[in-house]
C-alpha atoms as a PDB file:
ATOM      1  CA  MET A   1     -10.855   8.769  -8.881  1.00  0.00           C
ATOM      2  CA  ASP A   2      -8.159  10.341  -6.735  1.00  0.00           C
ATOM      3  CA  SER A   3      -4.864   8.585  -7.539  1.00  0.00           C
ATOM      4  CA  THR A   4      -3.885   8.470  -3.855  1.00  0.00           C
ATOM      5  CA  LYS A   5      -7.011   6.491  -2.980  1.00  0.00           C
ATOM      6  CA  ALA A   6      -6.738   3.848  -5.724  1.00  0.00           C
ATOM      7  CA  PRO A   7      -3.783   1.958  -4.154  1.00  0.00           C
ATOM      8  CA  THR A   8      -5.456   2.111  -0.740  1.00  0.00           C
ATOM      9  CA  THR A   9      -8.691   0.734  -2.167  1.00  0.00           C
ATOM     10  CA  ASP A  10      -6.789  -2.080  -3.896  1.00  0.00           C
ATOM     11  CA  LEU A  11      -4.984  -2.975  -0.676  1.00  0.00           C
ATOM     12  CA  ALA A  12      -8.253  -2.932   1.260  1.00  0.00           C
ATOM     13  CA  ARG A  13      -9.697  -5.465  -1.218  1.00  0.00           C
ATOM     14  CA  VAL A  14      -6.639  -7.681  -0.774  1.00  0.00           C
ATOM     15  CA  PHE A  15      -6.822  -7.602   3.012  1.00  0.00           C
ATOM     16  CA  LYS A  16     -10.583  -8.147   2.983  1.00  0.00           C
ATOM     17  CA  ALA A  17     -10.239 -11.149   0.669  1.00  0.00           C
ATOM     18  CA  LEU A  18      -7.512 -12.676   2.849  1.00  0.00           C
ATOM     19  CA  GLY A  19      -9.455 -11.884   6.030  1.00  0.00           C
ATOM     20  CA  ASP A  20     -11.613 -14.964   5.533  1.00  0.00           C
ATOM     21  CA  PRO A  21      -9.827 -18.039   6.996  1.00  0.00           C
ATOM     22  CA  THR A  22     -10.988 -20.363   4.205  1.00  0.00           C
ATOM     23  CA  ARG A  23      -9.881 -17.959   1.465  1.00  0.00           C
ATOM     24  CA  LEU A  24      -6.541 -17.502   3.204  1.00  0.00           C
ATOM     25  CA  ALA A  25      -6.060 -21.277   3.299  1.00  0.00           C
ATOM     26  CA  ILE A  26      -6.996 -21.595  -0.387  1.00  0.00           C
ATOM     27  CA  PHE A  27      -4.585 -18.776  -1.250  1.00  0.00           C
ATOM     28  CA  GLU A  28      -1.810 -20.522   0.713  1.00  0.00           C
ATOM     29  CA  LEU A  29      -2.462 -23.790  -1.120  1.00  0.00           C
ATOM     30  CA  ILE A  30      -2.218 -22.067  -4.497  1.00  0.00           C
ATOM     31  CA  ARG A  31       0.862 -20.084  -3.446  1.00  0.00           C
ATOM     32  CA  GLU A  32       2.726 -23.160  -2.220  1.00  0.00           C
ATOM     33  CA  ALA A  33       2.434 -24.739  -5.660  1.00  0.00           C
ATOM     34  CA  VAL A  34       4.786 -22.185  -7.208  1.00  0.00           C
ATOM     35  CA  ASP A  35       8.546 -22.551  -6.861  1.00  0.00           C
ATOM     36  CA  PRO A  36       9.995 -19.014  -6.661  1.00  0.00           C
ATOM     37  CA  ASP A  37      13.249 -20.141  -8.342  1.00  0.00           C
ATOM     38  CA  GLU A  38      11.704 -22.137 -11.171  1.00  0.00           C
ATOM     39  CA  GLY A  39       8.364 -20.440 -11.690  1.00  0.00           C
ATOM     40  CA  HIS A  40       5.373 -22.740 -11.915  1.00  0.00           C
ATOM     41  CA  SER A  41       6.048 -26.263 -10.768  1.00  0.00           C
ATOM     42  CA  SER A  42       4.356 -29.486 -11.741  1.00  0.00           C
ATOM     43  CA  LYS A  43       2.465 -29.199  -8.450  1.00  0.00           C
ATOM     44  CA  GLU A  44       0.637 -26.213  -9.942  1.00  0.00           C
ATOM     45  CA  LEU A  45      -1.193 -28.670 -12.156  1.00  0.00           C
ATOM     46  CA  GLN A  46      -2.916 -29.890  -8.978  1.00  0.00           C
ATOM     47  CA  ASN A  47      -4.535 -26.478  -8.501  1.00  0.00           C
ATOM     48  CA  SER A  48      -7.674 -27.013 -10.482  1.00  0.00           C
ATOM     49  CA  ILE A  49     -10.737 -25.719  -8.707  1.00  0.00           C
ATOM     50  CA  SER A  50     -12.117 -29.239  -8.310  1.00  0.00           C
ATOM     51  CA  GLN A  51      -8.884 -30.494  -6.737  1.00  0.00           C
ATOM     52  CA  ILE A  52      -8.775 -27.526  -4.372  1.00  0.00           C
ATOM     53  CA  ALA A  53     -12.354 -28.295  -3.338  1.00  0.00           C
ATOM     54  CA  ALA A  54     -11.405 -31.904  -2.615  1.00  0.00           C
ATOM     55  CA  GLN A  55      -8.507 -30.850  -0.379  1.00  0.00           C
ATOM     56  CA  PHE A  56     -10.791 -28.674   1.726  1.00  0.00           C
ATOM     57  CA  GLU A  57     -13.832 -30.941   1.594  1.00  0.00           C
ATOM     58  CA  LEU A  58     -15.829 -27.994   0.257  1.00  0.00           C
ATOM     59  CA  SER A  59     -18.375 -27.928  -2.526  1.00  0.00           C
ATOM     60  CA  LEU A  60     -17.222 -26.808  -5.938  1.00  0.00           C
ATOM     61  CA  SER A  61     -19.546 -23.808  -5.778  1.00  0.00           C
ATOM     62  CA  THR A  62     -18.096 -22.714  -2.411  1.00  0.00           C
ATOM     63  CA  VAL A  63     -14.525 -22.928  -3.692  1.00  0.00           C
ATOM     64  CA  SER A  64     -15.539 -21.109  -6.875  1.00  0.00           C
ATOM     65  CA  HIS A  65     -17.000 -18.304  -4.777  1.00  0.00           C
ATOM     66  CA  HIS A  66     -13.818 -17.990  -2.704  1.00  0.00           C
ATOM     67  CA  ILE A  67     -11.647 -17.987  -5.820  1.00  0.00           C
ATOM     68  CA  LYS A  68     -13.897 -15.339  -7.378  1.00  0.00           C
ATOM     69  CA  GLU A  69     -13.217 -13.138  -4.335  1.00  0.00           C
ATOM     70  CA  LEU A  70      -9.459 -13.785  -4.585  1.00  0.00           C
ATOM     71  CA  ARG A  71      -9.553 -12.935  -8.306  1.00  0.00           C
ATOM     72  CA  GLY A  72     -11.542  -9.769  -7.623  1.00  0.00           C
ATOM     73  CA  ALA A  73      -8.840  -8.658  -5.205  1.00  0.00           C
ATOM     74  CA  GLY A  74      -6.179  -9.353  -7.835  1.00  0.00           C
ATOM     75  CA  LEU A  75      -4.553 -12.126  -5.812  1.00  0.00           C
ATOM     76  CA  VAL A  76      -4.990 -15.036  -8.224  1.00  0.00           C
ATOM     77  CA  ARG A  77      -5.530 -15.605 -11.904  1.00  0.00           C
ATOM     78  CA  CYS A  78      -7.358 -18.507 -13.455  1.00  0.00           C
ATOM     79  CA  GLU A  79      -6.797 -20.254 -16.749  1.00  0.00           C
ATOM     80  CA  ARG A  80      -9.109 -22.704 -18.453  1.00  0.00           C
ATOM     81  CA  ARG A  81      -7.395 -25.798 -19.837  1.00  0.00           C
ATOM     82  CA  GLY A  82      -9.893 -28.111 -21.446  1.00  0.00           C
ATOM     83  CA  GLN A  83     -12.654 -28.836 -18.949  1.00  0.00           C
ATOM     84  CA  SER A  84     -10.688 -27.631 -15.924  1.00  0.00           C
ATOM     85  CA  ILE A  85      -9.808 -24.210 -14.525  1.00  0.00           C
ATOM     86  CA  TYR A  86      -6.373 -23.841 -12.919  1.00  0.00           C
ATOM     87  CA  CYS A  87      -5.348 -21.121 -10.495  1.00  0.00           C
ATOM     88  CA  SER A  88      -2.034 -19.386  -9.884  1.00  0.00           C
ATOM     89  CA  ILE A  89      -0.855 -16.401  -7.877  1.00  0.00           C
ATOM     90  CA  GLU A  90      -0.739 -12.874  -9.297  1.00  0.00           C
ATOM     91  CA  SER A  91       2.764 -11.968  -8.158  1.00  0.00           C
ATOM     92  CA  GLY A  92       2.406  -8.218  -8.781  1.00  0.00           C
ATOM     93  CA  VAL A  93      -0.118  -7.771  -6.001  1.00  0.00           C
ATOM     94  CA  LEU A  94       2.166  -9.551  -3.543  1.00  0.00           C
ATOM     95  CA  ASP A  95       4.938  -7.093  -4.401  1.00  0.00           C
ATOM     96  CA  ARG A  96       2.592  -4.152  -3.723  1.00  0.00           C
ATOM     97  CA  VAL A  97       1.401  -5.626  -0.421  1.00  0.00           C
ATOM     98  CA  GLY A  98       4.959  -6.400   0.641  1.00  0.00           C
ATOM     99  CA  GLY A  99       6.043  -2.863  -0.252  1.00  0.00           C
ATOM    100  CA  TYR A 100       3.163  -1.430   1.725  1.00  0.00           C
ATOM    101  CA  LEU A 101       3.955  -3.539   4.792  1.00  0.00           C
ATOM    102  CA  VAL A 102       7.604  -2.458   4.853  1.00  0.00           C
ATOM    103  CA  GLY A 103       6.759   1.169   4.166  1.00  0.00           C
ATOM    104  CA  ARG A 104       7.825   1.564   0.519  1.00  0.00           C
END
């Protein structure tokens, strides 16, 4: 693949994933749980897929689908802890998007 197209393709996936209002809201919820000065906060522990679903009054399968799209775009990562799956933001992709938006 042409190296100049790979970053563009990645950014297109990010923008497409965030173009859905529900996914954008889920992403915001996950992002707000991280304190930029302290890293992951105790609020992050509230970001299990089932707890996200409850906050949006969506089915677990619907939230799982949205999170799958966010993961595919490289926006979030998920970690299984026991019976639950917890989500957090992939900070690297935010740096790339921010750099793109300011022209770096």
